[in-house]
């Protein structure tokens, strides 16, 4: 049963909300990509096992894909890819 109070508590998303979600996914994905690439480069020059920079680079690639999907409006998939990329980077850090 939906009434007038129901529409006030759950407003319909607007174009502005969708645009903000796309920009947020793009910006977060780009920032995590740059952070992952920087960490991969730093670990590559360090005495870390080869799996560590590979994990950071793989996580960065996943975040770059998430940024691309987010900019195209696939924000839910982008969110899950950002989480997965960050988890891969964290797992790679555990091997150090």
PDB file of N, CA and C in Angstrom:
ATOM      1  N   UNK A   1       0.830  -1.168   0.000  1.00  0.00           N
ATOM      2  CA  UNK A   1       0.000   0.000   0.000  1.00  0.00           C
ATOM      3  C   UNK A   1       0.876   1.233   0.000  1.00  0.00           C
ATOM      4  N   UNK A   2       0.852   1.941  -1.046  1.00  0.00           N
ATOM      5  CA  UNK A   2       1.642   3.162  -1.097  1.00  0.00           C
ATOM      6  C   UNK A   2       0.705   4.350  -1.043  1.00  0.00           C
ATOM      7  N   UNK A   3       1.126   5.304  -0.294  1.00  0.00           N
ATOM      8  CA  UNK A   3       0.325   6.507  -0.141  1.00  0.00           C
ATOM      9  C   UNK A   3       1.187   7.715  -0.345  1.00  0.00           C
ATOM     10  N   UNK A   4       0.678   8.884  -0.033  1.00  0.00           N
ATOM     11  CA  UNK A   4       1.465  10.103  -0.200  1.00  0.00           C
ATOM     12  C   UNK A   4       2.687  10.138   0.697  1.00  0.00           C
ATOM     13  N   UNK A   5       2.611   9.529   1.886  1.00  0.00           N
ATOM     14  CA  UNK A   5       3.757   9.543   2.792  1.00  0.00           C
ATOM     15  C   UNK A   5       4.875   8.665   2.262  1.00  0.00           C
ATOM     16  N   UNK A   6       4.532   7.596   1.520  1.00  0.00           N
ATOM     17  CA  UNK A   6       5.539   6.689   0.982  1.00  0.00           C
ATOM     18  C   UNK A   6       6.411   7.381  -0.058  1.00  0.00           C
ATOM     19  N   UNK A   7       5.818   8.219  -0.888  1.00  0.00           N
ATOM     20  CA  UNK A   7       6.599   8.915  -1.908  1.00  0.00           C
ATOM     21  C   UNK A   7       7.494   9.992  -1.297  1.00  0.00           C
ATOM     22  N   UNK A   8       7.137  10.473  -0.121  1.00  0.00           N
ATOM     23  CA  UNK A   8       7.978  11.477   0.531  1.00  0.00           C
ATOM     24  C   UNK A   8       9.195  10.848   1.196  1.00  0.00           C
ATOM     25  N   UNK A   9       9.079   9.613   1.675  1.00  0.00           N
ATOM     26  CA  UNK A   9      10.208   8.977   2.350  1.00  0.00           C
ATOM     27  C   UNK A   9      11.175   8.332   1.378  1.00  0.00           C
ATOM     28  N   UNK A  10      10.718   7.936   0.198  1.00  0.00           N
ATOM     29  CA  UNK A  10      11.568   7.307  -0.812  1.00  0.00           C
ATOM     30  C   UNK A  10      11.435   8.049  -2.129  1.00  0.00           C
ATOM     31  N   UNK A  11      12.124   9.181  -2.271  1.00  0.00           N
ATOM     32  CA  UNK A  11      11.989   9.926  -3.521  1.00  0.00           C
ATOM     33  C   UNK A  11      12.660   9.179  -4.673  1.00  0.00           C
ATOM     34  N   UNK A  12      12.159   9.396  -5.845  1.00  0.00           N
ATOM     35  CA  UNK A  12      12.733   8.787  -7.038  1.00  0.00           C
ATOM     36  C   UNK A  12      14.089   9.416  -7.333  1.00  0.00           C
ATOM     37  N   UNK A  13      15.059   8.602  -7.774  1.00  0.00           N
ATOM     38  CA  UNK A  13      16.364   9.183  -8.120  1.00  0.00           C
ATOM     39  C   UNK A  13      16.241  10.103  -9.331  1.00  0.00           C
ATOM     40  N   UNK A  14      17.001  11.163  -9.282  1.00  0.00           N
ATOM     41  CA  UNK A  14      16.975  12.128 -10.377  1.00  0.00           C
ATOM     42  C   UNK A  14      18.231  11.969 -11.234  1.00  0.00           C
ATOM     43  N   UNK A  15      18.263  12.719 -12.322  1.00  0.00           N
ATOM     44  CA  UNK A  15      19.438  12.697 -13.179  1.00  0.00           C
ATOM     45  C   UNK A  15      20.671  13.220 -12.473  1.00  0.00           C
ATOM     46  N   UNK A  16      20.457  14.145 -11.536  1.00  0.00           N
ATOM     47  CA  UNK A  16      21.582  14.693 -10.777  1.00  0.00           C
ATOM     48  C   UNK A  16      22.218  13.622  -9.894  1.00  0.00           C
ATOM     49  N   UNK A  17      21.384  12.767  -9.284  1.00  0.00           N
ATOM     50  CA  UNK A  17      21.905  11.686  -8.447  1.00  0.00           C
ATOM     51  C   UNK A  17      22.710  10.685  -9.266  1.00  0.00           C
ATOM     52  N   UNK A  18      22.218  10.357 -10.446  1.00  0.00           N
ATOM     53  CA  UNK A  18      22.928   9.411 -11.305  1.00  0.00           C
ATOM     54  C   UNK A  18      24.258   9.994 -11.771  1.00  0.00           C
ATOM     55  N   UNK A  19      24.251  11.267 -12.096  1.00  0.00           N
ATOM     56  CA  UNK A  19      25.494  11.924 -12.528  1.00  0.00           C
ATOM     57  C   UNK A  19      26.512  11.939 -11.398  1.00  0.00           C
ATOM     58  N   UNK A  20      26.043  12.225 -10.192  1.00  0.00           N
ATOM     59  CA  UNK A  20      26.936  12.248  -9.038  1.00  0.00           C
ATOM     60  C   UNK A  20      27.505  10.857  -8.760  1.00  0.00           C
ATOM     61  N   UNK A  21      26.692   9.816  -8.925  1.00  0.00           N
ATOM     62  CA  UNK A  21      27.166   8.442  -8.720  1.00  0.00           C
ATOM     63  C   UNK A  21      28.221   8.071  -9.756  1.00  0.00           C
ATOM     64  N   UNK A  22      28.023   8.494 -11.001  1.00  0.00           N
ATOM     65  CA  UNK A  22      29.023   8.209 -12.043  1.00  0.00           C
ATOM     66  C   UNK A  22      30.342   8.907 -11.744  1.00  0.00           C
ATOM     67  N   UNK A  23      30.279  10.176 -11.351  1.00  0.00           N
ATOM     68  CA  UNK A  23      31.506  10.918 -11.049  1.00  0.00           C
ATOM     69  C   UNK A  23      32.211  10.356  -9.818  1.00  0.00           C
ATOM     70  N   UNK A  24      31.432   9.922  -8.837  1.00  0.00           N
ATOM     71  CA  UNK A  24      32.024   9.334  -7.637  1.00  0.00           C
ATOM     72  C   UNK A  24      32.739   8.032  -7.969  1.00  0.00           C
ATOM     73  N   UNK A  25      32.098   7.187  -8.768  1.00  0.00           N
ATOM     74  CA  UNK A  25      32.727   5.924  -9.168  1.00  0.00           C
ATOM     75  C   UNK A  25      33.985   6.177  -9.992  1.00  0.00           C
ATOM     76  N   UNK A  26      33.917   7.144 -10.885  1.00  0.00           N
ATOM     77  CA  UNK A  26      35.078   7.465 -11.715  1.00  0.00           C
ATOM     78  C   UNK A  26      36.224   8.005 -10.867  1.00  0.00           C
ATOM     79  N   UNK A  27      35.937   8.936  -9.979  1.00  0.00           N
ATOM     80  CA  UNK A  27      36.988   9.530  -9.150  1.00  0.00           C
ATOM     81  C   UNK A  27      37.601   8.537  -8.177  1.00  0.00           C
ATOM     82  N   UNK A  28      36.770   7.728  -7.542  1.00  0.00           N
ATOM     83  CA  UNK A  28      37.289   6.736  -6.604  1.00  0.00           C
ATOM     84  C   UNK A  28      38.115   5.689  -7.332  1.00  0.00           C
ATOM     85  N   UNK A  29      37.623   5.240  -8.471  1.00  0.00           N
ATOM     86  CA  UNK A  29      38.380   4.252  -9.255  1.00  0.00           C
ATOM     87  C   UNK A  29      39.713   4.795  -9.730  1.00  0.00           C
ATOM     88  N   UNK A  30      39.733   6.038 -10.163  1.00  0.00           N
ATOM     89  CA  UNK A  30      40.986   6.642 -10.614  1.00  0.00           C
ATOM     90  C   UNK A  30      41.971   6.807  -9.459  1.00  0.00           C
ATOM     91  N   UNK A  31      41.477   7.240  -8.306  1.00  0.00           N
ATOM     92  CA  UNK A  31      42.355   7.426  -7.147  1.00  0.00           C
ATOM     93  C   UNK A  31      42.935   6.093  -6.673  1.00  0.00           C
ATOM     94  N   UNK A  32      42.104   5.059  -6.609  1.00  0.00           N
ATOM     95  CA  UNK A  32      42.605   3.754  -6.181  1.00  0.00           C
ATOM     96  C   UNK A  32      43.539   3.133  -7.217  1.00  0.00           C
ATOM     97  N   UNK A  33      43.290   3.418  -8.499  1.00  0.00           N
ATOM     98  CA  UNK A  33      44.201   2.939  -9.544  1.00  0.00           C
ATOM     99  C   UNK A  33      45.577   3.565  -9.385  1.00  0.00           C
ATOM    100  N   UNK A  34      45.606   4.878  -9.189  1.00  0.00           N
ATOM    101  CA  UNK A  34      46.895   5.555  -9.011  1.00  0.00           C
ATOM    102  C   UNK A  34      47.606   5.085  -7.750  1.00  0.00           C
ATOM    103  N   UNK A  35      46.856   4.889  -6.670  1.00  0.00           N
ATOM    104  CA  UNK A  35      47.464   4.412  -5.426  1.00  0.00           C
ATOM    105  C   UNK A  35      48.017   2.999  -5.598  1.00  0.00           C
ATOM    106  N   UNK A  36      47.279   2.138  -6.286  1.00  0.00           N
ATOM    107  CA  UNK A  36      47.751   0.772  -6.517  1.00  0.00           C
ATOM    108  C   UNK A  36      48.976   0.722  -7.410  1.00  0.00           C
ATOM    109  N   UNK A  37      49.006   1.558  -8.440  1.00  0.00           N
ATOM    110  CA  UNK A  37      50.181   1.592  -9.316  1.00  0.00           C
ATOM    111  C   UNK A  37      51.403   2.140  -8.597  1.00  0.00           C
ATOM    112  N   UNK A  38      51.193   3.158  -7.766  1.00  0.00           N
ATOM    113  CA  UNK A  38      52.315   3.700  -6.991  1.00  0.00           C
ATOM    114  C   UNK A  38      52.844   2.663  -6.005  1.00  0.00           C
ATOM    115  N   UNK A  39      51.947   1.951  -5.348  1.00  0.00           N
ATOM    116  CA  UNK A  39      52.379   0.915  -4.404  1.00  0.00           C
ATOM    117  C   UNK A  39      53.089  -0.222  -5.132  1.00  0.00           C
ATOM    118  N   UNK A  40      52.594  -0.596  -6.312  1.00  0.00           N
ATOM    119  CA  UNK A  40      53.248  -1.648  -7.091  1.00  0.00           C
ATOM    120  C   UNK A  40      54.653  -1.227  -7.490  1.00  0.00           C
ATOM    121  N   UNK A  41      54.793   0.027  -7.908  1.00  0.00           N
ATOM    122  CA  UNK A  41      56.121   0.515  -8.293  1.00  0.00           C
ATOM    123  C   UNK A  41      57.071   0.555  -7.092  1.00  0.00           C
ATOM    124  N   UNK A  42      56.570   1.024  -5.944  1.00  0.00           N
ATOM    125  CA  UNK A  42      57.410   1.075  -4.752  1.00  0.00           C
ATOM    126  C   UNK A  42      57.809  -0.318  -4.285  1.00  0.00           C
ATOM    127  N   UNK A  43      56.892  -1.269  -4.340  1.00  0.00           N
ATOM    128  CA  UNK A  43      57.201  -2.643  -3.928  1.00  0.00           C
ATOM    129  C   UNK A  43      58.088  -3.346  -4.937  1.00  0.00           C
ATOM    130  N   UNK A  44      58.028  -2.917  -6.182  1.00  0.00           N
ATOM    131  CA  UNK A  44      58.880  -3.507  -7.210  1.00  0.00           C
ATOM    132  C   UNK A  44      60.337  -3.131  -6.985  1.00  0.00           C
ATOM    133  N   UNK A  45      60.576  -1.902  -6.528  1.00  0.00           N
ATOM    134  CA  UNK A  45      61.937  -1.457  -6.270  1.00  0.00           C
ATOM    135  C   UNK A  45      62.445  -1.902  -4.900  1.00  0.00           C
ATOM    136  N   UNK A  46      61.564  -2.433  -4.055  1.00  0.00           N
ATOM    137  CA  UNK A  46      61.913  -2.904  -2.718  1.00  0.00           C
ATOM    138  C   UNK A  46      62.269  -4.388  -2.780  1.00  0.00           C
ATOM    139  N   UNK A  47      62.643  -4.947  -1.655  1.00  0.00           N
ATOM    140  CA  UNK A  47      62.958  -6.377  -1.579  1.00  0.00           C
ATOM    141  C   UNK A  47      61.714  -7.183  -1.208  1.00  0.00           C
ATOM    142  N   UNK A  48      60.650  -6.986  -1.923  1.00  0.00           N
ATOM    143  CA  UNK A  48      59.400  -7.697  -1.664  1.00  0.00           C
ATOM    144  C   UNK A  48      59.304  -8.894  -2.600  1.00  0.00           C
ATOM    145  N   UNK A  49      58.579  -9.927  -2.183  1.00  0.00           N
ATOM    146  CA  UNK A  49      58.354 -11.060  -3.093  1.00  0.00           C
ATOM    147  C   UNK A  49      57.623 -10.598  -4.354  1.00  0.00           C
ATOM    148  N   UNK A  50      57.831 -11.275  -5.466  1.00  0.00           N
ATOM    149  CA  UNK A  50      57.214 -10.831  -6.732  1.00  0.00           C
ATOM    150  C   UNK A  50      55.696 -10.827  -6.711  1.00  0.00           C
ATOM    151  N   UNK A  51      55.095 -11.586  -5.813  1.00  0.00           N
ATOM    152  CA  UNK A  51      53.632 -11.630  -5.747  1.00  0.00           C
ATOM    153  C   UNK A  51      53.038 -10.310  -5.249  1.00  0.00           C
ATOM    154  N   UNK A  52      53.804  -9.571  -4.442  1.00  0.00           N
ATOM    155  CA  UNK A  52      53.288  -8.334  -3.848  1.00  0.00           C
ATOM    156  C   UNK A  52      53.042  -7.259  -4.908  1.00  0.00           C
ATOM    157  N   UNK A  53      54.042  -6.891  -5.737  1.00  0.00           N
ATOM    158  CA  UNK A  53      53.738  -5.871  -6.757  1.00  0.00           C
ATOM    159  C   UNK A  53      52.730  -6.357  -7.799  1.00  0.00           C
ATOM    160  N   UNK A  54      52.706  -7.670  -8.043  1.00  0.00           N
ATOM    161  CA  UNK A  54      51.718  -8.215  -8.978  1.00  0.00           C
ATOM    162  C   UNK A  54      50.304  -8.042  -8.433  1.00  0.00           C
ATOM    163  N   UNK A  55      50.136  -8.275  -7.137  1.00  0.00           N
ATOM    164  CA  UNK A  55      48.820  -8.094  -6.521  1.00  0.00           C
ATOM    165  C   UNK A  55      48.397  -6.632  -6.554  1.00  0.00           C
ATOM    166  N   UNK A  56      49.317  -5.723  -6.272  1.00  0.00           N
ATOM    167  CA  UNK A  56      48.979  -4.303  -6.328  1.00  0.00           C
ATOM    168  C   UNK A  56      48.613  -3.885  -7.756  1.00  0.00           C
ATOM    169  N   UNK A  57      49.365  -4.370  -8.733  1.00  0.00           N
ATOM    170  CA  UNK A  57      49.069  -4.020 -10.123  1.00  0.00           C
ATOM    171  C   UNK A  57      47.741  -4.623 -10.568  1.00  0.00           C
ATOM    172  N   UNK A  58      47.451  -5.856 -10.143  1.00  0.00           N
ATOM    173  CA  UNK A  58      46.177  -6.484 -10.482  1.00  0.00           C
ATOM    174  C   UNK A  58      45.005  -5.759  -9.846  1.00  0.00           C
ATOM    175  N   UNK A  59      45.175  -5.351  -8.599  1.00  0.00           N
ATOM    176  CA  UNK A  59      44.127  -4.577  -7.939  1.00  0.00           C
ATOM    177  C   UNK A  59      43.923  -3.221  -8.602  1.00  0.00           C
ATOM    178  N   UNK A  60      45.020  -2.610  -9.037  1.00  0.00           N
ATOM    179  CA  UNK A  60      44.922  -1.328  -9.731  1.00  0.00           C
ATOM    180  C   UNK A  60      44.206  -1.482 -11.071  1.00  0.00           C
ATOM    181  N   UNK A  61      44.474  -2.580 -11.774  1.00  0.00           N
ATOM    182  CA  UNK A  61      43.789  -2.827 -13.046  1.00  0.00           C
ATOM    183  C   UNK A  61      42.293  -3.050 -12.826  1.00  0.00           C
ATOM    184  N   UNK A  62      41.952  -3.737 -11.749  1.00  0.00           N
ATOM    185  CA  UNK A  62      40.544  -3.949 -11.423  1.00  0.00           C
ATOM    186  C   UNK A  62      39.862  -2.625 -11.104  1.00  0.00           C
ATOM    187  N   UNK A  63      40.548  -1.750 -10.371  1.00  0.00           N
ATOM    188  CA  UNK A  63      39.982  -0.441 -10.048  1.00  0.00           C
ATOM    189  C   UNK A  63      39.864   0.440 -11.291  1.00  0.00           C
ATOM    190  N   UNK A  64      40.795   0.288 -12.226  1.00  0.00           N
ATOM    191  CA  UNK A  64      40.689   1.045 -13.482  1.00  0.00           C
ATOM    192  C   UNK A  64      39.475   0.588 -14.282  1.00  0.00           C
ATOM    193  N   UNK A  65      39.224  -0.719 -14.289  1.00  0.00           N
ATOM    194  CA  UNK A  65      38.030  -1.231 -14.960  1.00  0.00           C
ATOM    195  C   UNK A  65      36.770  -0.720 -14.266  1.00  0.00           C
ATOM    196  N   UNK A  66      36.812  -0.647 -12.948  1.00  0.00           N
ATOM    197  CA  UNK A  66      35.668  -0.121 -12.194  1.00  0.00           C
ATOM    198  C   UNK A  66      35.419   1.344 -12.528  1.00  0.00           C
ATOM    199  N   UNK A  67      36.477   2.116 -12.673  1.00  0.00           N
ATOM    200  CA  UNK A  67      36.323   3.525 -13.045  1.00  0.00           C
ATOM    201  C   UNK A  67      35.697   3.655 -14.428  1.00  0.00           C
ATOM    202  N   UNK A  68      36.102   2.798 -15.337  1.00  0.00           N
ATOM    203  CA  UNK A  68      35.537   2.823 -16.686  1.00  0.00           C
ATOM    204  C   UNK A  68      34.055   2.455 -16.660  1.00  0.00           C
ATOM    205  N   UNK A  69      33.721   1.400 -15.935  1.00  0.00           N
ATOM    206  CA  UNK A  69      32.319   1.000 -15.846  1.00  0.00           C
ATOM    207  C   UNK A  69      31.486   2.065 -15.135  1.00  0.00           C
ATOM    208  N   UNK A  70      32.039   2.662 -14.090  1.00  0.00           N
ATOM    209  CA  UNK A  70      31.322   3.703 -13.361  1.00  0.00           C
ATOM    210  C   UNK A  70      31.041   4.918 -14.214  1.00  0.00           C
ATOM    211  N   UNK A  71      31.985   5.278 -15.059  1.00  0.00           N
ATOM    212  CA  UNK A  71      31.767   6.442 -15.922  1.00  0.00           C
ATOM    213  C   UNK A  71      30.708   6.177 -16.980  1.00  0.00           C
ATOM    214  N   UNK A  72      30.465   4.905 -17.270  1.00  0.00           N
ATOM    215  CA  UNK A  72      29.442   4.546 -18.253  1.00  0.00           C
ATOM    216  C   UNK A  72      28.094   4.243 -17.621  1.00  0.00           C
ATOM    217  N   UNK A  73      27.986   4.471 -16.306  1.00  0.00           N
ATOM    218  CA  UNK A  73      26.699   4.315 -15.643  1.00  0.00           C
ATOM    219  C   UNK A  73      26.497   2.997 -14.936  1.00  0.00           C
ATOM    220  N   UNK A  74      27.450   2.106 -14.979  1.00  0.00           N
ATOM    221  CA  UNK A  74      27.340   0.807 -14.300  1.00  0.00           C
ATOM    222  C   UNK A  74      27.916   0.931 -12.890  1.00  0.00           C
ATOM    223  N   UNK A  75      27.257   1.746 -12.069  1.00  0.00           N
ATOM    224  CA  UNK A  75      27.839   2.098 -10.777  1.00  0.00           C
ATOM    225  C   UNK A  75      27.794   0.953  -9.774  1.00  0.00           C
ATOM    226  N   UNK A  76      26.799   0.092  -9.824  1.00  0.00           N
ATOM    227  CA  UNK A  76      26.768  -1.043  -8.888  1.00  0.00           C
ATOM    228  C   UNK A  76      27.893  -2.016  -9.169  1.00  0.00           C
ATOM    229  N   UNK A  77      28.097  -2.323 -10.434  1.00  0.00           N
ATOM    230  CA  UNK A  77      29.208  -3.216 -10.795  1.00  0.00           C
ATOM    231  C   UNK A  77      30.538  -2.552 -10.468  1.00  0.00           C
ATOM    232  N   UNK A  78      30.620  -1.257 -10.675  1.00  0.00           N
ATOM    233  CA  UNK A  78      31.853  -0.535 -10.364  1.00  0.00           C
ATOM    234  C   UNK A  78      32.155  -0.593  -8.875  1.00  0.00           C
ATOM    235  N   UNK A  79      31.127  -0.471  -8.046  1.00  0.00           N
ATOM    236  CA  UNK A  79      31.337  -0.554  -6.603  1.00  0.00           C
ATOM    237  C   UNK A  79      31.903  -1.907  -6.209  1.00  0.00           C
ATOM    238  N   UNK A  80      31.340  -2.977  -6.739  1.00  0.00           N
ATOM    239  CA  UNK A  80      31.838  -4.312  -6.403  1.00  0.00           C
ATOM    240  C   UNK A  80      33.243  -4.536  -6.942  1.00  0.00           C
ATOM    241  N   UNK A  81      33.541  -4.000  -8.108  1.00  0.00           N
ATOM    242  CA  UNK A  81      34.905  -4.133  -8.629  1.00  0.00           C
ATOM    243  C   UNK A  81      35.900  -3.322  -7.801  1.00  0.00           C
ATOM    244  N   UNK A  82      35.488  -2.159  -7.312  1.00  0.00           N
ATOM    245  CA  UNK A  82      36.364  -1.385  -6.434  1.00  0.00           C
ATOM    246  C   UNK A  82      36.665  -2.157  -5.149  1.00  0.00           C
ATOM    247  N   UNK A  83      35.641  -2.787  -4.596  1.00  0.00           N
ATOM    248  CA  UNK A  83      35.847  -3.587  -3.391  1.00  0.00           C
ATOM    249  C   UNK A  83      36.784  -4.751  -3.687  1.00  0.00           C
ATOM    250  N   UNK A  84      36.566  -5.434  -4.808  1.00  0.00           N
ATOM    251  CA  UNK A  84      37.424  -6.566  -5.168  1.00  0.00           C
ATOM    252  C   UNK A  84      38.868  -6.120  -5.408  1.00  0.00           C
ATOM    253  N   UNK A  85      39.047  -5.009  -6.108  1.00  0.00           N
ATOM    254  CA  UNK A  85      40.402  -4.513  -6.360  1.00  0.00           C
ATOM    255  C   UNK A  85      41.123  -4.134  -5.081  1.00  0.00           C
ATOM    256  N   UNK A  86      40.409  -3.514  -4.176  1.00  0.00           N
ATOM    257  CA  UNK A  86      41.008  -3.145  -2.902  1.00  0.00           C
ATOM    258  C   UNK A  86      41.347  -4.385  -2.079  1.00  0.00           C
ATOM    259  N   UNK A  87      40.510  -5.402  -2.154  1.00  0.00           N
ATOM    260  CA  UNK A  87      40.798  -6.642  -1.435  1.00  0.00           C
ATOM    261  C   UNK A  87      42.024  -7.352  -2.010  1.00  0.00           C
ATOM    262  N   UNK A  88      42.193  -7.310  -3.321  1.00  0.00           N
ATOM    263  CA  UNK A  88      43.378  -7.909  -3.948  1.00  0.00           C
ATOM    264  C   UNK A  88      44.636  -7.176  -3.494  1.00  0.00           C
ATOM    265  N   UNK A  89      44.552  -5.852  -3.434  1.00  0.00           N
ATOM    266  CA  UNK A  89      45.708  -5.083  -2.956  1.00  0.00           C
ATOM    267  C   UNK A  89      46.016  -5.396  -1.495  1.00  0.00           C
ATOM    268  N   UNK A  90      44.994  -5.525  -0.676  1.00  0.00           N
ATOM    269  CA  UNK A  90      45.203  -5.847   0.735  1.00  0.00           C
ATOM    270  C   UNK A  90      45.778  -7.254   0.895  1.00  0.00           C
ATOM    271  N   UNK A  91      45.323  -8.185   0.067  1.00  0.00           N
ATOM    272  CA  UNK A  91      45.860  -9.545   0.119  1.00  0.00           C
ATOM    273  C   UNK A  91      47.335  -9.550  -0.282  1.00  0.00           C
ATOM    274  N   UNK A  92      47.669  -8.767  -1.306  1.00  0.00           N
ATOM    275  CA  UNK A  92      49.067  -8.664  -1.714  1.00  0.00           C
ATOM    276  C   UNK A  92      49.935  -8.060  -0.614  1.00  0.00           C
ATOM    277  N   UNK A  93      49.372  -7.160   0.151  1.00  0.00           N
ATOM    278  CA  UNK A  93      50.121  -6.561   1.253  1.00  0.00           C
ATOM    279  C   UNK A  93      50.390  -7.583   2.358  1.00  0.00           C
ATOM    280  N   UNK A  94      49.526  -8.573   2.505  1.00  0.00           N
ATOM    281  CA  UNK A  94      49.727  -9.601   3.519  1.00  0.00           C
ATOM    282  C   UNK A  94      50.915 -10.507   3.197  1.00  0.00           C
ATOM    283  N   UNK A  95      51.283 -10.608   1.940  1.00  0.00           N
ATOM    284  CA  UNK A  95      52.423 -11.453   1.537  1.00  0.00           C
ATOM    285  C   UNK A  95      53.768 -10.747   1.766  1.00  0.00           C
ATOM    286  N   UNK A  96      53.729  -9.512   2.141  1.00  0.00           N
ATOM    287  CA  UNK A  96      54.963  -8.747   2.343  1.00  0.00           C
ATOM    288  C   UNK A  96      55.537  -8.980   3.718  1.00  0.00           C
TER     289      UNK A  96
END
